[in-house]
Protein backbone atom coordinates (compact mmCIF):
# COMPACT_ATOMS: atom_id res chain seq x y z
CA MET A 1 -16.88 5.97 3.67
CA THR A 2 -14.05 6.45 6.32
CA PHE A 3 -11.50 4.14 7.07
CA LYS A 4 -8.87 3.66 9.80
CA GLY A 5 -5.35 3.50 8.81
CA GLU A 6 -2.07 3.27 10.23
CA ILE A 7 1.50 2.19 9.17
CA VAL A 8 2.50 -0.82 10.69
CA GLU A 9 6.04 -2.60 10.73
CA ARG A 10 6.13 -6.44 10.53
CA VAL A 11 8.57 -9.04 9.70
CA SER A 12 8.09 -11.33 6.74
CA LYS A 13 8.77 -15.20 6.82
CA ASN A 14 11.91 -14.56 5.20
CA GLY A 15 12.76 -12.77 8.41
CA LYS A 16 12.88 -9.25 6.46
CA PRO A 17 11.45 -6.47 7.72
CA TYR A 18 8.77 -4.27 6.05
CA LYS A 19 6.47 -1.32 6.33
CA ALA A 20 2.63 -1.51 5.08
CA LEU A 21 -0.84 0.57 5.51
CA GLU A 22 -3.17 -1.48 7.52
CA LEU A 23 -6.42 -0.27 7.21
CA THR A 24 -9.81 -1.07 9.22
CA LEU A 25 -12.36 -1.74 6.93
CA TYR A 26 -15.13 -2.74 9.77
CA GLY A 27 -15.08 -4.39 12.73
CA ASN A 28 -12.07 -6.62 13.21
CA VAL A 29 -11.83 -6.69 9.21
CA LYS A 30 -8.28 -5.49 8.79
CA LYS A 31 -6.33 -5.27 4.84
CA LEU A 32 -2.68 -4.94 4.79
CA VAL A 33 -1.83 -2.57 1.62
CA PHE A 34 2.05 -2.89 0.45
CA LEU A 35 3.73 0.52 0.07
CA ASN A 36 7.03 1.33 -1.51
CA ASP A 37 9.03 3.99 0.95
CA ALA A 38 8.14 7.23 -1.17
CA GLU A 39 4.48 6.43 -1.01
CA ILE A 40 4.84 5.66 3.00
CA GLU A 41 6.65 8.86 3.20
CA LEU A 42 3.98 10.80 1.63
CA LEU A 43 1.55 9.37 3.86
CA LYS A 44 3.24 10.49 6.90
CA MET A 45 3.95 14.07 5.44
CA ASN A 46 0.07 14.21 4.76
CA ASN A 47 -0.56 13.10 8.56
CA ILE A 48 1.93 15.58 9.90
CA SER A 49 0.10 18.38 7.80
CA LYS A 50 -3.56 17.76 9.43
């Protein structure tokens, strides 16, 4: 299986900004995966190298 994913920036109910990985599983079914800053940077580095 292959999933489409992108890093999204959102604002929490408390008004704090955060980043998460949004996976599109199929159709309109999406799943947010919360990552720490280091994990997000690793994903960015991996994406640049492709």
